[in-house]
Amino acid sequence: MAVLARARCDELERAWDNLAIQPQFDWLRRPETGLVLVRARAGGTGALFNLGEVTMTRCAVRLADGMTGFAFVLGRDQRHAELAAVFDAMLQGTDDGASGVLRFVTEFGIA
């Protein structure tokens, strides 16, 4: 999931456009944007403190084959969250769609 969350939306769009078959899905949770609290440690190893809040968008989908995908991405890009959730669901399966997404993750993966 981290690779999908860190990928740029245009990379996800390109991967989506290159899929042989784009899967049908139902919304479990439409993309919605909110705030999450970021915590940090003083000096990297010290006591925890609340650094501040950042915007985050979340989404959940269910594919026609029953696989479920979730996405949590920083920022307000709802399309990014939607695509990440669909790809996450596709990675749960074993069909050609999963292998196509796996190729994307390998090609654009962020270590």
PDB file of N, CA and C in Angstrom:
ATOM      1  N   MET A   1       0.819  -1.191   0.000  1.00  0.00           N
ATOM      2  CA  MET A   1       0.000   0.000   0.000  1.00  0.00           C
ATOM      3  C   MET A   1       0.861   1.253   0.000  1.00  0.00           C
ATOM      4  N   ALA A   2       2.009   1.205   0.639  1.00  0.00           N
ATOM      5  CA  ALA A   2       2.853   2.398   0.708  1.00  0.00           C
ATOM      6  C   ALA A   2       3.283   2.854  -0.679  1.00  0.00           C
ATOM      7  N   VAL A   3       3.558   1.910  -1.570  1.00  0.00           N
ATOM      8  CA  VAL A   3       3.976   2.280  -2.925  1.00  0.00           C
ATOM      9  C   VAL A   3       2.845   3.016  -3.626  1.00  0.00           C
ATOM     10  N   LEU A   4       1.627   2.533  -3.483  1.00  0.00           N
ATOM     11  CA  LEU A   4       0.484   3.185  -4.125  1.00  0.00           C
ATOM     12  C   LEU A   4       0.214   4.556  -3.514  1.00  0.00           C
ATOM     13  N   ALA A   5       0.381   4.685  -2.214  1.00  0.00           N
ATOM     14  CA  ALA A   5       0.148   5.970  -1.551  1.00  0.00           C
ATOM     15  C   ALA A   5       1.213   6.990  -1.923  1.00  0.00           C
ATOM     16  N   ARG A   6       2.446   6.535  -2.138  1.00  0.00           N
ATOM     17  CA  ARG A   6       3.542   7.459  -2.460  1.00  0.00           C
ATOM     18  C   ARG A   6       3.663   7.756  -3.946  1.00  0.00           C
ATOM     19  N   ALA A   7       3.069   6.922  -4.782  1.00  0.00           N
ATOM     20  CA  ALA A   7       3.129   7.157  -6.228  1.00  0.00           C
ATOM     21  C   ALA A   7       2.376   8.442  -6.565  1.00  0.00           C
ATOM     22  N   ARG A   8       2.788   9.091  -7.635  1.00  0.00           N
ATOM     23  CA  ARG A   8       2.062  10.276  -8.093  1.00  0.00           C
ATOM     24  C   ARG A   8       0.774   9.841  -8.779  1.00  0.00           C
ATOM     25  N   CYS A   9      -0.230  10.687  -8.726  1.00  0.00           N
ATOM     26  CA  CYS A   9      -1.519  10.352  -9.321  1.00  0.00           C
ATOM     27  C   CYS A   9      -1.392  10.114 -10.824  1.00  0.00           C
ATOM     28  N   ASP A  10      -0.542  10.876 -11.510  1.00  0.00           N
ATOM     29  CA  ASP A  10      -0.392  10.672 -12.955  1.00  0.00           C
ATOM     30  C   ASP A  10       0.213   9.302 -13.263  1.00  0.00           C
ATOM     31  N   GLU A  11       1.062   8.779 -12.377  1.00  0.00           N
ATOM     32  CA  GLU A  11       1.598   7.431 -12.560  1.00  0.00           C
ATOM     33  C   GLU A  11       0.491   6.390 -12.403  1.00  0.00           C
ATOM     34  N   LEU A  12      -0.376   6.598 -11.413  1.00  0.00           N
ATOM     35  CA  LEU A  12      -1.497   5.678 -11.222  1.00  0.00           C
ATOM     36  C   LEU A  12      -2.465   5.749 -12.401  1.00  0.00           C
ATOM     37  N   GLU A  13      -2.706   6.956 -12.902  1.00  0.00           N
ATOM     38  CA  GLU A  13      -3.584   7.115 -14.072  1.00  0.00           C
ATOM     39  C   GLU A  13      -3.013   6.368 -15.275  1.00  0.00           C
ATOM     40  N   ARG A  14      -1.706   6.475 -15.478  1.00  0.00           N
ATOM     41  CA  ARG A  14      -1.063   5.786 -16.599  1.00  0.00           C
ATOM     42  C   ARG A  14      -1.197   4.272 -16.442  1.00  0.00           C
ATOM     43  N   ALA A  15      -0.988   3.780 -15.226  1.00  0.00           N
ATOM     44  CA  ALA A  15      -1.140   2.344 -14.975  1.00  0.00           C
ATOM     45  C   ALA A  15      -2.590   1.917 -15.211  1.00  0.00           C
ATOM     46  N   TRP A  16      -3.550   2.741 -14.798  1.00  0.00           N
ATOM     47  CA  TRP A  16      -4.972   2.453 -14.994  1.00  0.00           C
ATOM     48  C   TRP A  16      -5.300   2.389 -16.487  1.00  0.00           C
ATOM     49  N   ASP A  17      -4.789   3.364 -17.241  1.00  0.00           N
ATOM     50  CA  ASP A  17      -5.046   3.410 -18.680  1.00  0.00           C
ATOM     51  C   ASP A  17      -4.426   2.223 -19.409  1.00  0.00           C
ATOM     52  N   ASN A  18      -3.334   1.669 -18.870  1.00  0.00           N
ATOM     53  CA  ASN A  18      -2.643   0.556 -19.520  1.00  0.00           C
ATOM     54  C   ASN A  18      -3.194  -0.814 -19.141  1.00  0.00           C
ATOM     55  N   LEU A  19      -4.173  -0.858 -18.234  1.00  0.00           N
ATOM     56  CA  LEU A  19      -4.765  -2.146 -17.874  1.00  0.00           C
ATOM     57  C   LEU A  19      -5.547  -2.706 -19.054  1.00  0.00           C
ATOM     58  N   ALA A  20      -5.432  -4.002 -19.272  1.00  0.00           N
ATOM     59  CA  ALA A  20      -6.188  -4.646 -20.350  1.00  0.00           C
ATOM     60  C   ALA A  20      -7.685  -4.547 -20.070  1.00  0.00           C
ATOM     61  N   ILE A  21      -8.070  -4.783 -18.831  1.00  0.00           N
ATOM     62  CA  ILE A  21      -9.472  -4.700 -18.422  1.00  0.00           C
ATOM     63  C   ILE A  21      -9.534  -3.886 -17.138  1.00  0.00           C
ATOM     64  N   GLN A  22     -10.300  -2.803 -17.163  1.00  0.00           N
ATOM     65  CA  GLN A  22     -10.461  -1.989 -15.963  1.00  0.00           C
ATOM     66  C   GLN A  22     -11.624  -2.560 -15.156  1.00  0.00           C
ATOM     67  N   PRO A  23     -11.365  -2.982 -13.929  1.00  0.00           N
ATOM     68  CA  PRO A  23     -12.388  -3.687 -13.155  1.00  0.00           C
ATOM     69  C   PRO A  23     -13.537  -2.775 -12.719  1.00  0.00           C
ATOM     70  N   GLN A  24     -14.704  -3.379 -12.599  1.00  0.00           N
ATOM     71  CA  GLN A  24     -15.859  -2.695 -12.035  1.00  0.00           C
ATOM     72  C   GLN A  24     -15.747  -2.783 -10.518  1.00  0.00           C
ATOM     73  N   PHE A  25     -16.192  -1.740  -9.834  1.00  0.00           N
ATOM     74  CA  PHE A  25     -16.121  -1.758  -8.376  1.00  0.00           C
ATOM     75  C   PHE A  25     -17.280  -0.987  -7.779  1.00  0.00           C
ATOM     76  N   ASP A  26     -17.551  -1.293  -6.514  1.00  0.00           N
ATOM     77  CA  ASP A  26     -18.551  -0.578  -5.726  1.00  0.00           C
ATOM     78  C   ASP A  26     -17.834   0.157  -4.609  1.00  0.00           C
ATOM     79  N   TRP A  27     -18.381   1.299  -4.250  1.00  0.00           N
ATOM     80  CA  TRP A  27     -17.805   2.077  -3.158  1.00  0.00           C
ATOM     81  C   TRP A  27     -18.194   1.465  -1.823  1.00  0.00           C
ATOM     82  N   LEU A  28     -17.248   1.232  -0.969  1.00  0.00           N
ATOM     83  CA  LEU A  28     -17.525   0.951   0.434  1.00  0.00           C
ATOM     84  C   LEU A  28     -17.443   2.262   1.212  1.00  0.00           C
ATOM     85  N   ARG A  29     -16.497   3.093   0.806  1.00  0.00           N
ATOM     86  CA  ARG A  29     -16.348   4.438   1.359  1.00  0.00           C
ATOM     87  C   ARG A  29     -15.817   5.319   0.235  1.00  0.00           C
ATOM     88  N   ARG A  30     -16.644   6.259  -0.206  1.00  0.00           N
ATOM     89  CA  ARG A  30     -16.191   7.184  -1.247  1.00  0.00           C
ATOM     90  C   ARG A  30     -15.014   7.997  -0.717  1.00  0.00           C
ATOM     91  N   PRO A  31     -14.160   8.508  -1.606  1.00  0.00           N
ATOM     92  CA  PRO A  31     -13.026   9.305  -1.121  1.00  0.00           C
ATOM     93  C   PRO A  31     -13.497  10.470  -0.262  1.00  0.00           C
ATOM     94  N   GLU A  32     -12.890  10.593   0.894  1.00  0.00           N
ATOM     95  CA  GLU A  32     -13.210  11.708   1.786  1.00  0.00           C
ATOM     96  C   GLU A  32     -11.920  12.225   2.409  1.00  0.00           C
ATOM     97  N   THR A  33     -11.864  13.526   2.552  1.00  0.00           N
ATOM     98  CA  THR A  33     -10.662  14.190   3.038  1.00  0.00           C
ATOM     99  C   THR A  33     -10.880  14.676   4.460  1.00  0.00           C
ATOM    100  N   GLY A  34      -9.855  14.527   5.273  1.00  0.00           N
ATOM    101  CA  GLY A  34      -9.913  14.986   6.657  1.00  0.00           C
ATOM    102  C   GLY A  34      -8.511  15.275   7.165  1.00  0.00           C
ATOM    103  N   LEU A  35      -8.401  15.413   8.467  1.00  0.00           N
ATOM    104  CA  LEU A  35      -7.116  15.714   9.098  1.00  0.00           C
ATOM    105  C   LEU A  35      -6.670  14.541   9.959  1.00  0.00           C
ATOM    106  N   VAL A  36      -5.369  14.325  10.002  1.00  0.00           N
ATOM    107  CA  VAL A  36      -4.790  13.338  10.917  1.00  0.00           C
ATOM    108  C   VAL A  36      -3.664  14.017  11.688  1.00  0.00           C
ATOM    109  N   LEU A  37      -3.480  13.576  12.905  1.00  0.00           N
ATOM    110  CA  LEU A  37      -2.446  14.135  13.765  1.00  0.00           C
ATOM    111  C   LEU A  37      -1.120  13.438  13.489  1.00  0.00           C
ATOM    112  N   VAL A  38      -0.070  14.223  13.314  1.00  0.00           N
ATOM    113  CA  VAL A  38       1.268  13.688  13.099  1.00  0.00           C
ATOM    114  C   VAL A  38       2.040  13.821  14.403  1.00  0.00           C
ATOM    115  N   ARG A  39       2.618  12.702  14.832  1.00  0.00           N
ATOM    116  CA  ARG A  39       3.424  12.710  16.053  1.00  0.00           C
ATOM    117  C   ARG A  39       4.886  12.547  15.677  1.00  0.00           C
ATOM    118  N   ALA A  40       5.754  13.071  16.504  1.00  0.00           N
ATOM    119  CA  ALA A  40       7.192  12.989  16.249  1.00  0.00           C
ATOM    120  C   ALA A  40       7.915  12.794  17.574  1.00  0.00           C
ATOM    121  N   ARG A  41       9.211  12.543  17.473  1.00  0.00           N
ATOM    122  CA  ARG A  41      10.051  12.413  18.665  1.00  0.00           C
ATOM    123  C   ARG A  41      11.091  13.525  18.654  1.00  0.00           C
ATOM    124  N   ALA A  42      11.271  14.150  19.777  1.00  0.00           N
ATOM    125  CA  ALA A  42      12.276  15.205  19.901  1.00  0.00           C
ATOM    126  C   ALA A  42      13.649  14.610  19.611  1.00  0.00           C
ATOM    127  N   GLY A  43      14.339  15.178  18.651  1.00  0.00           N
ATOM    128  CA  GLY A  43      15.659  14.676  18.292  1.00  0.00           C
ATOM    129  C   GLY A  43      15.628  13.322  17.612  1.00  0.00           C
ATOM    130  N   GLY A  44      14.458  12.852  17.238  1.00  0.00           N
ATOM    131  CA  GLY A  44      14.335  11.559  16.574  1.00  0.00           C
ATOM    132  C   GLY A  44      14.245  10.381  17.523  1.00  0.00           C
ATOM    133  N   THR A  45      14.678  10.543  18.765  1.00  0.00           N
ATOM    134  CA  THR A  45      14.657   9.426  19.719  1.00  0.00           C
ATOM    135  C   THR A  45      14.061   9.814  21.064  1.00  0.00           C
ATOM    136  N   GLY A  46      13.746  11.075  21.252  1.00  0.00           N
ATOM    137  CA  GLY A  46      13.264  11.556  22.548  1.00  0.00           C
ATOM    138  C   GLY A  46      11.783  11.313  22.767  1.00  0.00           C
ATOM    139  N   ALA A  47      11.215  12.138  23.607  1.00  0.00           N
ATOM    140  CA  ALA A  47       9.808  12.009  23.977  1.00  0.00           C
ATOM    141  C   ALA A  47       8.901  12.353  22.791  1.00  0.00           C
ATOM    142  N   LEU A  48       7.773  11.659  22.716  1.00  0.00           N
ATOM    143  CA  LEU A  48       6.788  11.935  21.671  1.00  0.00           C
ATOM    144  C   LEU A  48       6.116  13.280  21.913  1.00  0.00           C
ATOM    145  N   PHE A  49       5.826  13.975  20.820  1.00  0.00           N
ATOM    146  CA  PHE A  49       5.029  15.194  20.911  1.00  0.00           C
ATOM    147  C   PHE A  49       4.176  15.305  19.656  1.00  0.00           C
ATOM    148  N   ASN A  50       3.105  16.082  19.738  1.00  0.00           N
ATOM    149  CA  ASN A  50       2.210  16.285  18.605  1.00  0.00           C
ATOM    150  C   ASN A  50       2.790  17.369  17.711  1.00  0.00           C
ATOM    151  N   LEU A  51       3.231  16.975  16.527  1.00  0.00           N
ATOM    152  CA  LEU A  51       3.864  17.902  15.596  1.00  0.00           C
ATOM    153  C   LEU A  51       2.840  18.815  14.938  1.00  0.00           C
ATOM    154  N   GLY A  52       1.714  18.263  14.543  1.00  0.00           N
ATOM    155  CA  GLY A  52       0.676  19.052  13.887  1.00  0.00           C
ATOM    156  C   GLY A  52      -0.266  18.149  13.115  1.00  0.00           C
ATOM    157  N   GLU A  53      -1.130  18.754  12.317  1.00  0.00           N
ATOM    158  CA  GLU A  53      -2.097  17.999  11.537  1.00  0.00           C
ATOM    159  C   GLU A  53      -1.791  18.132  10.050  1.00  0.00           C
ATOM    160  N   VAL A  54      -2.099  17.073   9.302  1.00  0.00           N
ATOM    161  CA  VAL A  54      -1.949  17.082   7.850  1.00  0.00           C
ATOM    162  C   VAL A  54      -3.252  16.581   7.236  1.00  0.00           C
ATOM    163  N   THR A  55      -3.503  16.995   5.993  1.00  0.00           N
ATOM    164  CA  THR A  55      -4.684  16.490   5.302  1.00  0.00           C
ATOM    165  C   THR A  55      -4.404  15.092   4.773  1.00  0.00           C
ATOM    166  N   MET A  56      -5.451  14.263   4.771  1.00  0.00           N
ATOM    167  CA  MET A  56      -5.356  12.895   4.316  1.00  0.00           C
ATOM    168  C   MET A  56      -6.682  12.544   3.650  1.00  0.00           C
ATOM    169  N   THR A  57      -6.611  11.742   2.593  1.00  0.00           N
ATOM    170  CA  THR A  57      -7.820  11.281   1.917  1.00  0.00           C
ATOM    171  C   THR A  57      -7.864   9.767   2.006  1.00  0.00           C
ATOM    172  N   ARG A  58      -9.033   9.231   2.347  1.00  0.00           N
ATOM    173  CA  ARG A  58      -9.186   7.782   2.456  1.00  0.00           C
ATOM    174  C   ARG A  58     -10.306   7.313   1.548  1.00  0.00           C
ATOM    175  N   CYS A  59     -10.255   6.023   1.227  1.00  0.00           N
ATOM    176  CA  CYS A  59     -11.220   5.452   0.301  1.00  0.00           C
ATOM    177  C   CYS A  59     -11.226   3.939   0.490  1.00  0.00           C
ATOM    178  N   ALA A  60     -12.371   3.301   0.226  1.00  0.00           N
ATOM    179  CA  ALA A  60     -12.467   1.839   0.261  1.00  0.00           C
ATOM    180  C   ALA A  60     -13.402   1.384  -0.853  1.00  0.00           C
ATOM    181  N   VAL A  61     -13.009   0.316  -1.554  1.00  0.00           N
ATOM    182  CA  VAL A  61     -13.802  -0.208  -2.670  1.00  0.00           C
ATOM    183  C   VAL A  61     -13.890  -1.728  -2.580  1.00  0.00           C
ATOM    184  N   ARG A  62     -14.890  -2.288  -3.260  1.00  0.00           N
ATOM    185  CA  ARG A  62     -15.006  -3.745  -3.411  1.00  0.00           C
ATOM    186  C   ARG A  62     -15.172  -4.032  -4.891  1.00  0.00           C
ATOM    187  N   LEU A  63     -14.290  -4.880  -5.416  1.00  0.00           N
ATOM    188  CA  LEU A  63     -14.365  -5.269  -6.821  1.00  0.00           C
ATOM    189  C   LEU A  63     -15.512  -6.251  -7.031  1.00  0.00           C
ATOM    190  N   ALA A  64     -15.879  -6.445  -8.291  1.00  0.00           N
ATOM    191  CA  ALA A  64     -16.959  -7.374  -8.628  1.00  0.00           C
ATOM    192  C   ALA A  64     -16.643  -8.796  -8.169  1.00  0.00           C
ATOM    193  N   ASP A  65     -15.342  -9.156  -8.092  1.00  0.00           N
ATOM    194  CA  ASP A  65     -14.969 -10.510  -7.651  1.00  0.00           C
ATOM    195  C   ASP A  65     -14.922 -10.643  -6.129  1.00  0.00           C
ATOM    196  N   GLY A  66     -15.259  -9.560  -5.407  1.00  0.00           N
ATOM    197  CA  GLY A  66     -15.331  -9.607  -3.951  1.00  0.00           C
ATOM    198  C   GLY A  66     -14.098  -9.113  -3.223  1.00  0.00           C
ATOM    199  N   MET A  67     -13.010  -8.864  -3.943  1.00  0.00           N
ATOM    200  CA  MET A  67     -11.796  -8.369  -3.297  1.00  0.00           C
ATOM    201  C   MET A  67     -12.005  -6.924  -2.838  1.00  0.00           C
ATOM    202  N   THR A  68     -11.456  -6.608  -1.667  1.00  0.00           N
ATOM    203  CA  THR A  68     -11.627  -5.291  -1.071  1.00  0.00           C
ATOM    204  C   THR A  68     -10.293  -4.563  -1.039  1.00  0.00           C
ATOM    205  N   GLY A  69     -10.319  -3.264  -1.336  1.00  0.00           N
ATOM    206  CA  GLY A  69      -9.106  -2.460  -1.306  1.00  0.00           C
ATOM    207  C   GLY A  69      -9.317  -1.181  -0.519  1.00  0.00           C
ATOM    208  N   PHE A  70      -8.249  -0.732   0.121  1.00  0.00           N
ATOM    209  CA  PHE A  70      -8.288   0.470   0.953  1.00  0.00           C
ATOM    210  C   PHE A  70      -7.148   1.390   0.563  1.00  0.00           C
ATOM    211  N   ALA A  71      -7.345   2.679   0.768  1.00  0.00           N
ATOM    212  CA  ALA A  71      -6.275   3.639   0.500  1.00  0.00           C
ATOM    213  C   ALA A  71      -6.345   4.781   1.503  1.00  0.00           C
ATOM    214  N   PHE A  72      -5.172   5.192   1.948  1.00  0.00           N
ATOM    215  CA  PHE A  72      -4.992   6.375   2.781  1.00  0.00           C
ATOM    216  C   PHE A  72      -3.819   7.131   2.172  1.00  0.00           C
ATOM    217  N   VAL A  73      -4.076   8.317   1.624  1.00  0.00           N
ATOM    218  CA  VAL A  73      -3.010   9.080   0.977  1.00  0.00           C
ATOM    219  C   VAL A  73      -2.942  10.479   1.584  1.00  0.00           C
ATOM    220  N   LEU A  74      -1.737  11.007   1.678  1.00  0.00           N
ATOM    221  CA  LEU A  74      -1.573  12.375   2.158  1.00  0.00           C
ATOM    222  C   LEU A  74      -2.108  13.339   1.115  1.00  0.00           C
ATOM    223  N   GLY A  75      -2.732  14.393   1.565  1.00  0.00           N
ATOM    224  CA  GLY A  75      -3.242  15.410   0.661  1.00  0.00           C
ATOM    225  C   GLY A  75      -4.728  15.251   0.387  1.00  0.00           C
ATOM    226  N   ARG A  76      -5.200  15.998  -0.629  1.00  0.00           N
ATOM    227  CA  ARG A  76      -6.635  16.051  -0.914  1.00  0.00           C
ATOM    228  C   ARG A  76      -7.006  15.461  -2.267  1.00  0.00           C
ATOM    229  N   ASP A  77      -6.119  14.699  -2.875  1.00  0.00           N
ATOM    230  CA  ASP A  77      -6.366  14.159  -4.208  1.00  0.00           C
ATOM    231  C   ASP A  77      -7.264  12.923  -4.123  1.00  0.00           C
ATOM    232  N   GLN A  78      -8.555  13.127  -4.358  1.00  0.00           N
ATOM    233  CA  GLN A  78      -9.510  12.030  -4.230  1.00  0.00           C
ATOM    234  C   GLN A  78      -9.333  10.974  -5.313  1.00  0.00           C
ATOM    235  N   ARG A  79      -8.948  11.377  -6.509  1.00  0.00           N
ATOM    236  CA  ARG A  79      -8.704  10.405  -7.584  1.00  0.00           C
ATOM    237  C   ARG A  79      -7.537   9.495  -7.223  1.00  0.00           C
ATOM    238  N   HIS A  80      -6.508  10.056  -6.607  1.00  0.00           N
ATOM    239  CA  HIS A  80      -5.355   9.267  -6.162  1.00  0.00           C
ATOM    240  C   HIS A  80      -5.812   8.188  -5.181  1.00  0.00           C
ATOM    241  N   ALA A  81      -6.632   8.573  -4.208  1.00  0.00           N
ATOM    242  CA  ALA A  81      -7.124   7.611  -3.223  1.00  0.00           C
ATOM    243  C   ALA A  81      -7.988   6.543  -3.889  1.00  0.00           C
ATOM    244  N   GLU A  82      -8.820   6.946  -4.841  1.00  0.00           N
ATOM    245  CA  GLU A  82      -9.675   5.989  -5.547  1.00  0.00           C
ATOM    246  C   GLU A  82      -8.840   4.956  -6.298  1.00  0.00           C
ATOM    247  N   LEU A  83      -7.881   5.418  -7.084  1.00  0.00           N
ATOM    248  CA  LEU A  83      -7.050   4.495  -7.856  1.00  0.00           C
ATOM    249  C   LEU A  83      -6.221   3.594  -6.946  1.00  0.00           C
ATOM    250  N   ALA A  84      -5.672   4.160  -5.886  1.00  0.00           N
ATOM    251  CA  ALA A  84      -4.873   3.357  -4.958  1.00  0.00           C
ATOM    252  C   ALA A  84      -5.728   2.261  -4.323  1.00  0.00           C
ATOM    253  N   ALA A  85      -6.972   2.571  -3.974  1.00  0.00           N
ATOM    254  CA  ALA A  85      -7.858   1.570  -3.377  1.00  0.00           C
ATOM    255  C   ALA A  85      -8.200   0.465  -4.378  1.00  0.00           C
ATOM    256  N   VAL A  86      -8.477   0.842  -5.622  1.00  0.00           N
ATOM    257  CA  VAL A  86      -8.792  -0.166  -6.641  1.00  0.00           C
ATOM    258  C   VAL A  86      -7.580  -1.060  -6.891  1.00  0.00           C
ATOM    259  N   PHE A  87      -6.399  -0.460  -7.016  1.00  0.00           N
ATOM    260  CA  PHE A  87      -5.192  -1.262  -7.231  1.00  0.00           C
ATOM    261  C   PHE A  87      -4.906  -2.158  -6.027  1.00  0.00           C
ATOM    262  N   ASP A  88      -5.155  -1.651  -4.826  1.00  0.00           N
ATOM    263  CA  ASP A  88      -4.965  -2.466  -3.629  1.00  0.00           C
ATOM    264  C   ASP A  88      -5.877  -3.688  -3.678  1.00  0.00           C
ATOM    265  N   ALA A  89      -7.122  -3.496  -4.088  1.00  0.00           N
ATOM    266  CA  ALA A  89      -8.053  -4.626  -4.206  1.00  0.00           C
ATOM    267  C   ALA A  89      -7.582  -5.600  -5.278  1.00  0.00           C
ATOM    268  N   MET A  90      -7.089  -5.072  -6.389  1.00  0.00           N
ATOM    269  CA  MET A  90      -6.612  -5.944  -7.462  1.00  0.00           C
ATOM    270  C   MET A  90      -5.422  -6.781  -7.007  1.00  0.00           C
ATOM    271  N   LEU A  91      -4.578  -6.217  -6.162  1.00  0.00           N
ATOM    272  CA  LEU A  91      -3.416  -6.960  -5.669  1.00  0.00           C
ATOM    273  C   LEU A  91      -3.813  -8.106  -4.743  1.00  0.00           C
ATOM    274  N   GLN A  92      -5.035  -8.083  -4.221  1.00  0.00           N
ATOM    275  CA  GLN A  92      -5.498  -9.172  -3.362  1.00  0.00           C
ATOM    276  C   GLN A  92      -5.809 -10.423  -4.174  1.00  0.00           C
ATOM    277  N   GLY A  93      -6.085 -10.247  -5.475  1.00  0.00           N
ATOM    278  CA  GLY A  93      -6.464 -11.366  -6.335  1.00  0.00           C
ATOM    279  C   GLY A  93      -5.264 -12.040  -6.970  1.00  0.00           C
ATOM    280  N   THR A  94      -5.564 -13.024  -7.811  1.00  0.00           N
ATOM    281  CA  THR A  94      -4.502 -13.790  -8.474  1.00  0.00           C
ATOM    282  C   THR A  94      -4.653 -13.768  -9.988  1.00  0.00           C
ATOM    283  N   ASP A  95      -5.500 -12.899 -10.523  1.00  0.00           N
ATOM    284  CA  ASP A  95      -5.739 -12.884 -11.965  1.00  0.00           C
ATOM    285  C   ASP A  95      -4.750 -11.971 -12.686  1.00  0.00           C
ATOM    286  N   ASP A  96      -4.997 -11.744 -13.974  1.00  0.00           N
ATOM    287  CA  ASP A  96      -4.114 -10.902 -14.779  1.00  0.00           C
ATOM    288  C   ASP A  96      -4.076  -9.467 -14.282  1.00  0.00           C
ATOM    289  N   GLY A  97      -5.180  -8.987 -13.716  1.00  0.00           N
ATOM    290  CA  GLY A  97      -5.195  -7.624 -13.189  1.00  0.00           C
ATOM    291  C   GLY A  97      -4.178  -7.439 -12.086  1.00  0.00           C
ATOM    292  N   ALA A  98      -4.078  -8.429 -11.212  1.00  0.00           N
ATOM    293  CA  ALA A  98      -3.114  -8.347 -10.120  1.00  0.00           C
ATOM    294  C   ALA A  98      -1.692  -8.322 -10.657  1.00  0.00           C
ATOM    295  N   SER A  99      -1.421  -9.106 -11.689  1.00  0.00           N
ATOM    296  CA  SER A  99      -0.061  -9.115 -12.234  1.00  0.00           C
ATOM    297  C   SER A  99       0.258  -7.789 -12.915  1.00  0.00           C
ATOM    298  N   GLY A 100      -0.755  -7.152 -13.530  1.00  0.00           N
ATOM    299  CA  GLY A 100      -0.534  -5.842 -14.133  1.00  0.00           C
ATOM    300  C   GLY A 100      -0.203  -4.789 -13.093  1.00  0.00           C
ATOM    301  N   VAL A 101      -0.901  -4.813 -11.980  1.00  0.00           N
ATOM    302  CA  VAL A 101      -0.622  -3.868 -10.900  1.00  0.00           C
ATOM    303  C   VAL A 101       0.736  -4.172 -10.286  1.00  0.00           C
ATOM    304  N   LEU A 102       1.054  -5.445 -10.160  1.00  0.00           N
ATOM    305  CA  LEU A 102       2.354  -5.827  -9.609  1.00  0.00           C
ATOM    306  C   LEU A 102       3.491  -5.324 -10.496  1.00  0.00           C
ATOM    307  N   ARG A 103       3.304  -5.345 -11.813  1.00  0.00           N
ATOM    308  CA  ARG A 103       4.315  -4.780 -12.724  1.00  0.00           C
ATOM    309  C   ARG A 103       4.478  -3.288 -12.458  1.00  0.00           C
ATOM    310  N   PHE A 104       3.352  -2.588 -12.244  1.00  0.00           N
ATOM    311  CA  PHE A 104       3.417  -1.160 -11.940  1.00  0.00           C
ATOM    312  C   PHE A 104       4.196  -0.923 -10.650  1.00  0.00           C
ATOM    313  N   VAL A 105       3.880  -1.702  -9.622  1.00  0.00           N
ATOM    314  CA  VAL A 105       4.548  -1.538  -8.330  1.00  0.00           C
ATOM    315  C   VAL A 105       6.048  -1.777  -8.489  1.00  0.00           C
ATOM    316  N   THR A 106       6.406  -2.767  -9.287  1.00  0.00           N
ATOM    317  CA  THR A 106       7.820  -3.061  -9.515  1.00  0.00           C
ATOM    318  C   THR A 106       8.498  -1.941 -10.290  1.00  0.00           C
ATOM    319  N   GLU A 107       7.815  -1.427 -11.319  1.00  0.00           N
ATOM    320  CA  GLU A 107       8.404  -0.389 -12.163  1.00  0.00           C
ATOM    321  C   GLU A 107       8.513   0.949 -11.446  1.00  0.00           C
ATOM    322  N   PHE A 108       7.457   1.339 -10.734  1.00  0.00           N
ATOM    323  CA  PHE A 108       7.419   2.655 -10.112  1.00  0.00           C
ATOM    324  C   PHE A 108       7.613   2.603  -8.608  1.00  0.00           C
ATOM    325  N   GLY A 109       7.950   1.422  -8.086  1.00  0.00           N
ATOM    326  CA  GLY A 109       8.046   1.230  -6.644  1.00  0.00           C
ATOM    327  C   GLY A 109       8.971   2.219  -5.966  1.00  0.00           C
ATOM    328  N   ILE A 110       8.562   2.587  -4.786  1.00  0.00           N
ATOM    329  CA  ILE A 110       9.353   3.493  -3.961  1.00  0.00           C
ATOM    330  C   ILE A 110       9.838   2.688  -2.777  1.00  0.00           C
ATOM    331  N   ALA A 111      11.123   2.534  -2.652  1.00  0.00           N
ATOM    332  CA  ALA A 111      11.671   1.709  -1.571  1.00  0.00           C
ATOM    333  C   ALA A 111      11.601   2.435  -0.253  1.00  0.00           C
TER     334      ALA A 111
END
